[in-house]
Full PDB file with SEQRES, HELIX, SHEET, SSBOND, CRYST1, ORIGX, SCALE, CONECT and MASTER records, all heavy atoms in Angstrom:
SEQRES   1 A   39  LEU THR TYR THR TRP ARG SER PRO ARG LEU TRP ILE VAL          
SEQRES   2 A   39  ALA GLY SER VAL LEU VAL ILE ALA GLY ALA ALA GLN PHE          
SEQRES   3 A   39  VAL GLY ALA GLN SER ILE PRO VAL GLY SER LEU ALA THR          
HELIX    1 AA1 PRO A    8  VAL A   27  1                                  20    
CRYST1    1.000    1.000    1.000  90.00  90.00  90.00 P 1           1          
ORIGX1      1.000000  0.000000  0.000000        0.00000                         
ORIGX2      0.000000  1.000000  0.000000        0.00000                         
ORIGX3      0.000000  0.000000  1.000000        0.00000                         
SCALE1      1.000000  0.000000  0.000000        0.00000                         
SCALE2      0.000000  1.000000  0.000000        0.00000                         
SCALE3      0.000000  0.000000  1.000000        0.00000                         
ATOM      1  N   LEU A   1       0.852  -1.189   0.017  1.00  0.00           N  
ATOM      2  CA  LEU A   1      -0.034   0.020  -0.010  1.00  0.00           C  
ATOM      3  C   LEU A   1       0.920   1.235   0.027  1.00  0.00           C  
ATOM      4  O   LEU A   1       2.046   1.151   0.433  1.00  0.00           O  
ATOM      5  CB  LEU A   1      -0.862   0.008   1.219  1.00  0.00           C  
ATOM      6  CG  LEU A   1      -1.790  -1.183   1.447  1.00  0.00           C  
ATOM      7  CD1 LEU A   1      -2.390  -1.159   2.838  1.00  0.00           C  
ATOM      8  CD2 LEU A   1      -2.845  -1.318   0.354  1.00  0.00           C  
ATOM      9  N   THR A   2       0.356   2.315  -0.474  1.00  0.00           N  
ATOM     10  CA  THR A   2       1.147   3.619  -0.460  1.00  0.00           C  
ATOM     11  C   THR A   2       0.178   4.661   0.139  1.00  0.00           C  
ATOM     12  O   THR A   2      -0.890   4.865  -0.330  1.00  0.00           O  
ATOM     13  CB  THR A   2       1.513   4.041  -1.899  1.00  0.00           C  
ATOM     14  OG1 THR A   2       2.408   3.025  -2.449  1.00  0.00           O  
ATOM     15  CG2 THR A   2       2.314   5.361  -1.823  1.00  0.00           C  
ATOM     16  N   TYR A   3       0.711   5.339   1.243  1.00  0.00           N  
ATOM     17  CA  TYR A   3      -0.030   6.394   1.799  1.00  0.00           C  
ATOM     18  C   TYR A   3       0.695   7.688   1.562  1.00  0.00           C  
ATOM     19  O   TYR A   3       1.841   7.849   1.927  1.00  0.00           O  
ATOM     20  CB  TYR A   3      -0.086   6.141   3.353  1.00  0.00           C  
ATOM     21  CG  TYR A   3      -1.006   4.886   3.758  1.00  0.00           C  
ATOM     22  CD1 TYR A   3      -0.884   4.388   5.028  1.00  0.00           C  
ATOM     23  CD2 TYR A   3      -1.917   4.455   2.889  1.00  0.00           C  
ATOM     24  CE1 TYR A   3      -1.721   3.326   5.402  1.00  0.00           C  
ATOM     25  CE2 TYR A   3      -2.725   3.360   3.194  1.00  0.00           C  
ATOM     26  CZ  TYR A   3      -2.654   2.795   4.478  1.00  0.00           C  
ATOM     27  OH  TYR A   3      -3.446   1.765   4.769  1.00  0.00           O  
ATOM     28  N   THR A   4      -0.052   8.637   0.940  1.00  0.00           N  
ATOM     29  CA  THR A   4       0.463   9.977   0.636  1.00  0.00           C  
ATOM     30  C   THR A   4      -0.124  11.046   1.525  1.00  0.00           C  
ATOM     31  O   THR A   4      -0.844  10.814   2.473  1.00  0.00           O  
ATOM     32  CB  THR A   4       0.226  10.290  -0.861  1.00  0.00           C  
ATOM     33  OG1 THR A   4      -1.149  10.384  -0.999  1.00  0.00           O  
ATOM     34  CG2 THR A   4       0.694   9.141  -1.724  1.00  0.00           C  
ATOM     35  N   TRP A   5       0.160  12.342   1.206  1.00  0.00           N  
ATOM     36  CA  TRP A   5      -0.426  13.464   1.964  1.00  0.00           C  
ATOM     37  C   TRP A   5      -1.853  13.322   1.985  1.00  0.00           C  
ATOM     38  O   TRP A   5      -2.624  13.817   2.923  1.00  0.00           O  
ATOM     39  CB  TRP A   5       0.025  14.749   1.309  1.00  0.00           C  
ATOM     40  CG  TRP A   5       1.349  15.257   1.560  1.00  0.00           C  
ATOM     41  CD1 TRP A   5       2.434  15.108   0.733  1.00  0.00           C  
ATOM     42  CD2 TRP A   5       1.853  15.899   2.754  1.00  0.00           C  
ATOM     43  NE1 TRP A   5       3.512  15.708   1.364  1.00  0.00           N  
ATOM     44  CE2 TRP A   5       3.191  16.147   2.625  1.00  0.00           C  
ATOM     45  CE3 TRP A   5       1.177  16.253   3.944  1.00  0.00           C  
ATOM     46  CZ2 TRP A   5       3.981  16.836   3.557  1.00  0.00           C  
ATOM     47  CZ3 TRP A   5       2.000  16.910   4.891  1.00  0.00           C  
ATOM     48  CH2 TRP A   5       3.303  17.191   4.732  1.00  0.00           C  
ATOM     49  N   ARG A   6      -2.510  12.812   0.979  1.00  0.00           N  
ATOM     50  CA  ARG A   6      -3.950  12.718   0.837  1.00  0.00           C  
ATOM     51  C   ARG A   6      -4.596  11.610   1.552  1.00  0.00           C  
ATOM     52  O   ARG A   6      -5.802  11.417   1.559  1.00  0.00           O  
ATOM     53  CB  ARG A   6      -4.368  12.754  -0.616  1.00  0.00           C  
ATOM     54  CG  ARG A   6      -4.001  14.027  -1.414  1.00  0.00           C  
ATOM     55  CD  ARG A   6      -4.431  13.990  -2.869  1.00  0.00           C  
ATOM     56  NE  ARG A   6      -4.002  15.103  -3.578  1.00  0.00           N  
ATOM     57  CZ  ARG A   6      -4.258  15.398  -4.783  1.00  0.00           C  
ATOM     58  NH1 ARG A   6      -4.888  14.479  -5.534  1.00  0.00           N  
ATOM     59  NH2 ARG A   6      -3.921  16.568  -5.444  1.00  0.00           N  
ATOM     60  N   SER A   7      -3.757  10.737   2.124  1.00  0.00           N  
ATOM     61  CA  SER A   7      -4.256   9.511   2.811  1.00  0.00           C  
ATOM     62  C   SER A   7      -4.692   9.814   4.280  1.00  0.00           C  
ATOM     63  O   SER A   7      -3.739  10.093   5.126  1.00  0.00           O  
ATOM     64  CB  SER A   7      -3.215   8.359   2.754  1.00  0.00           C  
ATOM     65  OG  SER A   7      -2.931   8.066   1.354  1.00  0.00           O  
ATOM     66  N   PRO A   8      -5.901   9.666   4.567  1.00  0.00           N  
ATOM     67  CA  PRO A   8      -6.262   9.865   5.971  1.00  0.00           C  
ATOM     68  C   PRO A   8      -5.507   8.985   6.957  1.00  0.00           C  
ATOM     69  O   PRO A   8      -5.390   9.314   8.093  1.00  0.00           O  
ATOM     70  CB  PRO A   8      -7.822   9.629   5.974  1.00  0.00           C  
ATOM     71  CG  PRO A   8      -8.246   9.849   4.601  1.00  0.00           C  
ATOM     72  CD  PRO A   8      -7.094   9.363   3.735  1.00  0.00           C  
ATOM     73  N   ARG A   9      -5.229   7.752   6.524  1.00  0.00           N  
ATOM     74  CA  ARG A   9      -4.572   6.796   7.354  1.00  0.00           C  
ATOM     75  C   ARG A   9      -3.219   7.333   7.859  1.00  0.00           C  
ATOM     76  O   ARG A   9      -2.787   7.074   8.975  1.00  0.00           O  
ATOM     77  CB  ARG A   9      -4.327   5.410   6.612  1.00  0.00           C  
ATOM     78  CG  ARG A   9      -5.605   4.844   6.008  1.00  0.00           C  
ATOM     79  CD  ARG A   9      -6.558   4.307   7.052  1.00  0.00           C  
ATOM     80  NE  ARG A   9      -6.203   3.066   7.588  1.00  0.00           N  
ATOM     81  CZ  ARG A   9      -6.833   2.434   8.596  1.00  0.00           C  
ATOM     82  NH1 ARG A   9      -7.925   2.987   9.137  1.00  0.00           N  
ATOM     83  NH2 ARG A   9      -6.335   1.268   9.120  1.00  0.00           N  
ATOM     84  N   LEU A  10      -2.496   8.027   6.939  1.00  0.00           N  
ATOM     85  CA  LEU A  10      -1.286   8.542   7.269  1.00  0.00           C  
ATOM     86  C   LEU A  10      -1.369   9.649   8.435  1.00  0.00           C  
ATOM     87  O   LEU A  10      -0.665   9.713   9.349  1.00  0.00           O  
ATOM     88  CB  LEU A  10      -0.555   9.196   6.101  1.00  0.00           C  
ATOM     89  CG  LEU A  10       0.671   9.999   6.420  1.00  0.00           C  
ATOM     90  CD1 LEU A  10       1.815   9.079   6.944  1.00  0.00           C  
ATOM     91  CD2 LEU A  10       1.206  10.755   5.093  1.00  0.00           C  
ATOM     92  N   TRP A  11      -2.465  10.466   8.355  1.00  0.00           N  
ATOM     93  CA  TRP A  11      -2.691  11.470   9.294  1.00  0.00           C  
ATOM     94  C   TRP A  11      -3.203  10.901  10.598  1.00  0.00           C  
ATOM     95  O   TRP A  11      -3.010  11.606  11.676  1.00  0.00           O  
ATOM     96  CB  TRP A  11      -3.652  12.533   8.704  1.00  0.00           C  
ATOM     97  CG  TRP A  11      -2.959  13.293   7.645  1.00  0.00           C  
ATOM     98  CD1 TRP A  11      -3.231  13.190   6.314  1.00  0.00           C  
ATOM     99  CD2 TRP A  11      -1.917  14.243   7.818  1.00  0.00           C  
ATOM    100  NE1 TRP A  11      -2.449  14.060   5.622  1.00  0.00           N  
ATOM    101  CE2 TRP A  11      -1.550  14.734   6.523  1.00  0.00           C  
ATOM    102  CE3 TRP A  11      -1.241  14.750   8.909  1.00  0.00           C  
ATOM    103  CZ2 TRP A  11      -0.593  15.610   6.314  1.00  0.00           C  
ATOM    104  CZ3 TRP A  11      -0.257  15.689   8.712  1.00  0.00           C  
ATOM    105  CH2 TRP A  11       0.119  16.140   7.388  1.00  0.00           C  
ATOM    106  N   ILE A  12      -3.757   9.680  10.589  1.00  0.00           N  
ATOM    107  CA  ILE A  12      -4.071   9.045  11.896  1.00  0.00           C  
ATOM    108  C   ILE A  12      -2.842   8.718  12.645  1.00  0.00           C  
ATOM    109  O   ILE A  12      -2.702   8.942  13.864  1.00  0.00           O  
ATOM    110  CB  ILE A  12      -4.917   7.833  11.628  1.00  0.00           C  
ATOM    111  CG1 ILE A  12      -6.216   8.162  11.101  1.00  0.00           C  
ATOM    112  CG2 ILE A  12      -5.016   7.016  12.925  1.00  0.00           C  
ATOM    113  CD1 ILE A  12      -7.160   6.900  10.727  1.00  0.00           C  
ATOM    114  N   VAL A  13      -1.756   8.226  11.874  1.00  0.00           N  
ATOM    115  CA  VAL A  13      -0.488   7.909  12.452  1.00  0.00           C  
ATOM    116  C   VAL A  13       0.172   9.245  12.983  1.00  0.00           C  
ATOM    117  O   VAL A  13       0.589   9.273  14.107  1.00  0.00           O  
ATOM    118  CB  VAL A  13       0.401   7.112  11.486  1.00  0.00           C  
ATOM    119  CG1 VAL A  13       1.861   7.017  12.040  1.00  0.00           C  
ATOM    120  CG2 VAL A  13      -0.148   5.830  11.108  1.00  0.00           C  
ATOM    121  N   ALA A  14       0.164  10.223  12.115  1.00  0.00           N  
ATOM    122  CA  ALA A  14       0.831  11.471  12.509  1.00  0.00           C  
ATOM    123  C   ALA A  14       0.065  12.131  13.766  1.00  0.00           C  
ATOM    124  O   ALA A  14       0.742  12.547  14.677  1.00  0.00           O  
ATOM    125  CB  ALA A  14       0.649  12.484  11.333  1.00  0.00           C  
ATOM    126  N   GLY A  15      -1.213  12.028  13.840  1.00  0.00           N  
ATOM    127  CA  GLY A  15      -1.956  12.572  14.974  1.00  0.00           C  
ATOM    128  C   GLY A  15      -1.586  11.792  16.148  1.00  0.00           C  
ATOM    129  O   GLY A  15      -1.552  12.354  17.308  1.00  0.00           O  
ATOM    130  N   SER A  16      -1.513  10.438  16.092  1.00  0.00           N  
ATOM    131  CA  SER A  16      -1.259   9.591  17.217  1.00  0.00           C  
ATOM    132  C   SER A  16       0.143   9.868  17.810  1.00  0.00           C  
ATOM    133  O   SER A  16       0.408  10.034  18.971  1.00  0.00           O  
ATOM    134  CB  SER A  16      -1.318   8.153  16.761  1.00  0.00           C  
ATOM    135  OG  SER A  16      -2.582   7.859  16.350  1.00  0.00           O  
ATOM    136  N   VAL A  17       1.096  10.081  16.880  1.00  0.00           N  
ATOM    137  CA  VAL A  17       2.497  10.350  17.335  1.00  0.00           C  
ATOM    138  C   VAL A  17       2.513  11.652  17.998  1.00  0.00           C  
ATOM    139  O   VAL A  17       3.210  11.941  19.026  1.00  0.00           O  
ATOM    140  CB  VAL A  17       3.466  10.383  16.173  1.00  0.00           C  
ATOM    141  CG1 VAL A  17       4.840  10.868  16.507  1.00  0.00           C  
ATOM    142  CG2 VAL A  17       3.569   8.939  15.515  1.00  0.00           C  
ATOM    143  N   LEU A  18       1.768  12.718  17.473  1.00  0.00           N  
ATOM    144  CA  LEU A  18       1.670  13.991  18.073  1.00  0.00           C  
ATOM    145  C   LEU A  18       1.185  13.991  19.481  1.00  0.00           C  
ATOM    146  O   LEU A  18       1.764  14.534  20.400  1.00  0.00           O  
ATOM    147  CB  LEU A  18       0.806  14.932  17.279  1.00  0.00           C  
ATOM    148  CG  LEU A  18       0.593  16.357  17.721  1.00  0.00           C  
ATOM    149  CD1 LEU A  18       1.912  17.078  18.056  1.00  0.00           C  
ATOM    150  CD2 LEU A  18      -0.330  17.147  16.774  1.00  0.00           C  
ATOM    151  N   VAL A  19       0.098  13.207  19.699  1.00  0.00           N  
ATOM    152  CA  VAL A  19      -0.504  13.085  20.984  1.00  0.00           C  
ATOM    153  C   VAL A  19       0.413  12.382  22.023  1.00  0.00           C  
ATOM    154  O   VAL A  19       0.598  12.798  23.145  1.00  0.00           O  
ATOM    155  CB  VAL A  19      -1.885  12.380  20.937  1.00  0.00           C  
ATOM    156  CG1 VAL A  19      -2.398  12.094  22.370  1.00  0.00           C  
ATOM    157  CG2 VAL A  19      -2.889  13.242  20.221  1.00  0.00           C  
ATOM    158  N   ILE A  20       0.995  11.237  21.570  1.00  0.00           N  
ATOM    159  CA  ILE A  20       1.826  10.459  22.441  1.00  0.00           C  
ATOM    160  C   ILE A  20       3.133  11.199  22.803  1.00  0.00           C  
ATOM    161  O   ILE A  20       3.414  11.367  24.021  1.00  0.00           O  
ATOM    162  CB  ILE A  20       2.236   9.146  21.660  1.00  0.00           C  
ATOM    163  CG1 ILE A  20       0.974   8.257  21.442  1.00  0.00           C  
ATOM    164  CG2 ILE A  20       3.265   8.330  22.481  1.00  0.00           C  
ATOM    165  CD1 ILE A  20       1.229   7.026  20.608  1.00  0.00           C  
ATOM    166  N   ALA A  21       3.789  11.751  21.732  1.00  0.00           N  
ATOM    167  CA  ALA A  21       5.027  12.420  22.077  1.00  0.00           C  
ATOM    168  C   ALA A  21       4.793  13.731  22.887  1.00  0.00           C  
ATOM    169  O   ALA A  21       5.552  14.134  23.793  1.00  0.00           O  
ATOM    170  CB  ALA A  21       5.810  12.809  20.791  1.00  0.00           C  
ATOM    171  N   GLY A  22       3.639  14.388  22.545  1.00  0.00           N  
ATOM    172  CA  GLY A  22       3.283  15.591  23.348  1.00  0.00           C  
ATOM    173  C   GLY A  22       3.054  15.335  24.787  1.00  0.00           C  
ATOM    174  O   GLY A  22       3.450  16.028  25.657  1.00  0.00           O  
ATOM    175  N   ALA A  23       2.220  14.258  25.025  1.00  0.00           N  
ATOM    176  CA  ALA A  23       1.986  13.804  26.416  1.00  0.00           C  
ATOM    177  C   ALA A  23       3.233  13.474  27.154  1.00  0.00           C  
ATOM    178  O   ALA A  23       3.447  13.785  28.309  1.00  0.00           O  
ATOM    179  CB  ALA A  23       0.949  12.605  26.317  1.00  0.00           C  
ATOM    180  N   ALA A  24       4.187  12.747  26.431  1.00  0.00           N  
ATOM    181  CA  ALA A  24       5.392  12.379  27.063  1.00  0.00           C  
ATOM    182  C   ALA A  24       6.214  13.638  27.498  1.00  0.00           C  
ATOM    183  O   ALA A  24       6.833  13.771  28.572  1.00  0.00           O  
ATOM    184  CB  ALA A  24       6.175  11.445  26.186  1.00  0.00           C  
ATOM    185  N   GLN A  25       6.327  14.621  26.622  1.00  0.00           N  
ATOM    186  CA  GLN A  25       7.029  15.853  26.864  1.00  0.00           C  
ATOM    187  C   GLN A  25       6.292  16.595  27.963  1.00  0.00           C  
ATOM    188  O   GLN A  25       6.980  17.234  28.779  1.00  0.00           O  
ATOM    189  CB  GLN A  25       7.038  16.692  25.574  1.00  0.00           C  
ATOM    190  CG  GLN A  25       7.992  16.194  24.485  1.00  0.00           C  
ATOM    191  CD  GLN A  25       9.374  16.459  24.905  1.00  0.00           C  
ATOM    192  OE1 GLN A  25      10.042  15.571  25.539  1.00  0.00           O  
ATOM    193  NE2 GLN A  25       9.981  17.539  24.629  1.00  0.00           N  
ATOM    194  N   PHE A  26       5.054  16.596  28.051  1.00  0.00           N  
ATOM    195  CA  PHE A  26       4.321  17.282  29.143  1.00  0.00           C  
ATOM    196  C   PHE A  26       4.666  16.669  30.491  1.00  0.00           C  
ATOM    197  O   PHE A  26       4.865  17.366  31.499  1.00  0.00           O  
ATOM    198  CB  PHE A  26       2.825  17.248  28.827  1.00  0.00           C  
ATOM    199  CG  PHE A  26       1.961  17.819  29.935  1.00  0.00           C  
ATOM    200  CD1 PHE A  26       1.829  19.173  29.982  1.00  0.00           C  
ATOM    201  CD2 PHE A  26       1.325  17.121  30.914  1.00  0.00           C  
ATOM    202  CE1 PHE A  26       1.123  19.851  31.022  1.00  0.00           C  
ATOM    203  CE2 PHE A  26       0.606  17.713  31.918  1.00  0.00           C  
ATOM    204  CZ  PHE A  26       0.510  19.058  32.033  1.00  0.00           C  
ATOM    205  N   VAL A  27       4.675  15.352  30.574  1.00  0.00           N  
ATOM    206  CA  VAL A  27       4.968  14.613  31.857  1.00  0.00           C  
ATOM    207  C   VAL A  27       6.337  15.039  32.282  1.00  0.00           C  
ATOM    208  O   VAL A  27       6.681  15.254  33.446  1.00  0.00           O  
ATOM    209  CB  VAL A  27       4.872  13.119  31.647  1.00  0.00           C  
ATOM    210  CG1 VAL A  27       5.400  12.405  32.874  1.00  0.00           C  
ATOM    211  CG2 VAL A  27       3.419  12.778  31.405  1.00  0.00           C  
ATOM    212  N   GLY A  28       7.337  15.025  31.237  1.00  0.00           N  
ATOM    213  CA  GLY A  28       8.688  15.455  31.620  1.00  0.00           C  
ATOM    214  C   GLY A  28       9.493  14.352  32.187  1.00  0.00           C  
ATOM    215  O   GLY A  28       8.950  13.173  32.391  1.00  0.00           O  
ATOM    216  N   ALA A  29      10.710  14.589  32.629  1.00  0.00           N  
ATOM    217  CA  ALA A  29      11.512  13.593  33.340  1.00  0.00           C  
ATOM    218  C   ALA A  29      11.088  13.381  34.727  1.00  0.00           C  
ATOM    219  O   ALA A  29      10.700  14.347  35.437  1.00  0.00           O  
ATOM    220  CB  ALA A  29      13.040  14.051  33.332  1.00  0.00           C  
ATOM    221  N   GLN A  30      11.008  12.102  35.102  1.00  0.00           N  
ATOM    222  CA  GLN A  30      10.573  11.673  36.412  1.00  0.00           C  
ATOM    223  C   GLN A  30      11.715  10.894  37.129  1.00  0.00           C  
ATOM    224  O   GLN A  30      12.229  10.060  36.603  1.00  0.00           O  
ATOM    225  CB  GLN A  30       9.308  10.908  36.389  1.00  0.00           C  
ATOM    226  CG  GLN A  30       8.108  11.595  35.809  1.00  0.00           C  
ATOM    227  CD  GLN A  30       7.608  12.668  36.648  1.00  0.00           C  
ATOM    228  OE1 GLN A  30       7.593  12.489  37.792  1.00  0.00           O  
ATOM    229  NE2 GLN A  30       7.244  13.791  35.947  1.00  0.00           N  
ATOM    230  N   SER A  31      12.010  11.303  38.341  1.00  0.00           N  
ATOM    231  CA  SER A  31      13.110  10.636  39.116  1.00  0.00           C  
ATOM    232  C   SER A  31      12.541   9.677  40.100  1.00  0.00           C  
ATOM    233  O   SER A  31      11.661  10.019  40.850  1.00  0.00           O  
ATOM    234  CB  SER A  31      14.023  11.704  39.798  1.00  0.00           C  
ATOM    235  OG  SER A  31      14.644  12.490  38.839  1.00  0.00           O  
ATOM    236  N   ILE A  32      13.047   8.495  40.062  1.00  0.00           N  
ATOM    237  CA  ILE A  32      12.584   7.460  41.095  1.00  0.00           C  
ATOM    238  C   ILE A  32      13.755   6.974  41.815  1.00  0.00           C  
ATOM    239  O   ILE A  32      14.712   6.323  41.380  1.00  0.00           O  
ATOM    240  CB  ILE A  32      11.987   6.268  40.289  1.00  0.00           C  
ATOM    241  CG1 ILE A  32      10.921   6.714  39.414  1.00  0.00           C  
ATOM    242  CG2 ILE A  32      11.494   5.274  41.329  1.00  0.00           C  
ATOM    243  CD1 ILE A  32      10.392   5.609  38.509  1.00  0.00           C  
ATOM    244  N   PRO A  33      13.838   7.357  43.147  1.00  0.00           N  
ATOM    245  CA  PRO A  33      14.978   6.936  43.994  1.00  0.00           C  
ATOM    246  C   PRO A  33      14.959   5.439  44.253  1.00  0.00           C  
ATOM    247  O   PRO A  33      13.959   4.820  44.499  1.00  0.00           O  
ATOM    248  CB  PRO A  33      14.847   7.724  45.266  1.00  0.00           C  
ATOM    249  CG  PRO A  33      13.329   8.055  45.415  1.00  0.00           C  
ATOM    250  CD  PRO A  33      12.886   8.142  43.948  1.00  0.00           C  
ATOM    251  N   VAL A  34      16.150   4.817  44.316  1.00  0.00           N  
ATOM    252  CA  VAL A  34      16.262   3.398  44.579  1.00  0.00           C  
ATOM    253  C   VAL A  34      17.139   3.339  45.775  1.00  0.00           C  
ATOM    254  O   VAL A  34      18.417   3.101  45.752  1.00  0.00           O  
ATOM    255  CB  VAL A  34      16.950   2.695  43.270  1.00  0.00           C  
ATOM    256  CG1 VAL A  34      17.015   1.167  43.651  1.00  0.00           C  
ATOM    257  CG2 VAL A  34      16.270   2.847  42.084  1.00  0.00           C  
ATOM    258  N   GLY A  35      16.565   3.439  47.011  1.00  0.00           N  
ATOM    259  CA  GLY A  35      17.213   3.409  48.290  1.00  0.00           C  
ATOM    260  C   GLY A  35      18.207   4.589  48.207  1.00  0.00           C  
ATOM    261  O   GLY A  35      17.967   5.740  47.765  1.00  0.00           O  
ATOM    262  N   SER A  36      19.330   4.304  48.796  1.00  0.00           N  
ATOM    263  CA  SER A  36      20.500   5.247  48.878  1.00  0.00           C  
ATOM    264  C   SER A  36      21.485   4.991  47.752  1.00  0.00           C  
ATOM    265  O   SER A  36      22.452   5.748  47.631  1.00  0.00           O  
ATOM    266  CB  SER A  36      21.105   5.237  50.195  1.00  0.00           C  
ATOM    267  OG  SER A  36      21.691   3.956  50.450  1.00  0.00           O  
ATOM    268  N   LEU A  37      21.238   4.102  46.865  1.00  0.00           N  
ATOM    269  CA  LEU A  37      22.136   3.526  45.921  1.00  0.00           C  
ATOM    270  C   LEU A  37      22.200   4.510  44.727  1.00  0.00           C  
ATOM    271  O   LEU A  37      23.267   5.058  44.346  1.00  0.00           O  
ATOM    272  CB  LEU A  37      21.875   2.183  45.392  1.00  0.00           C  
ATOM    273  CG  LEU A  37      22.772   1.601  44.416  1.00  0.00           C  
ATOM    274  CD1 LEU A  37      24.244   1.472  45.005  1.00  0.00           C  
ATOM    275  CD2 LEU A  37      22.262   0.312  43.917  1.00  0.00           C  
ATOM    276  N   ALA A  38      21.116   4.854  44.128  1.00  0.00           N  
ATOM    277  CA  ALA A  38      21.006   5.580  42.841  1.00  0.00           C  
ATOM    278  C   ALA A  38      19.607   6.065  42.739  1.00  0.00           C  
ATOM    279  O   ALA A  38      18.696   5.794  43.451  1.00  0.00           O  
ATOM    280  CB  ALA A  38      21.525   4.782  41.723  1.00  0.00           C  
ATOM    281  N   THR A  39      19.413   6.797  41.628  1.00  0.00           N  
ATOM    282  CA  THR A  39      18.123   7.287  41.171  1.00  0.00           C  
ATOM    283  C   THR A  39      17.848   6.953  39.705  1.00  0.00           C  
ATOM    284  O   THR A  39      18.757   7.233  38.843  1.00  0.00           O  
ATOM    285  CB  THR A  39      18.040   8.813  41.369  1.00  0.00           C  
ATOM    286  OG1 THR A  39      18.258   9.155  42.733  1.00  0.00           O  
ATOM    287  CG2 THR A  39      16.711   9.345  40.949  1.00  0.00           C  
TER     288      THR A  39                                                      
MASTER        0    0    0    1    0    0    0    6  287    1    0    3          
END                                                                             
C-alpha cells in the first residue's frame, strides 16, 4: 500500500504520534529513588 499526503490513514498515524510524544513531553523527566544507591 502507499499512503501519501492525501491518505487519512497517514494522518491518523501523525496525529497519534503528536498526542503520544506531546503527552510524554508534558509529563517530563521523572526521578525514582532506589534506596540510597542511585536514582
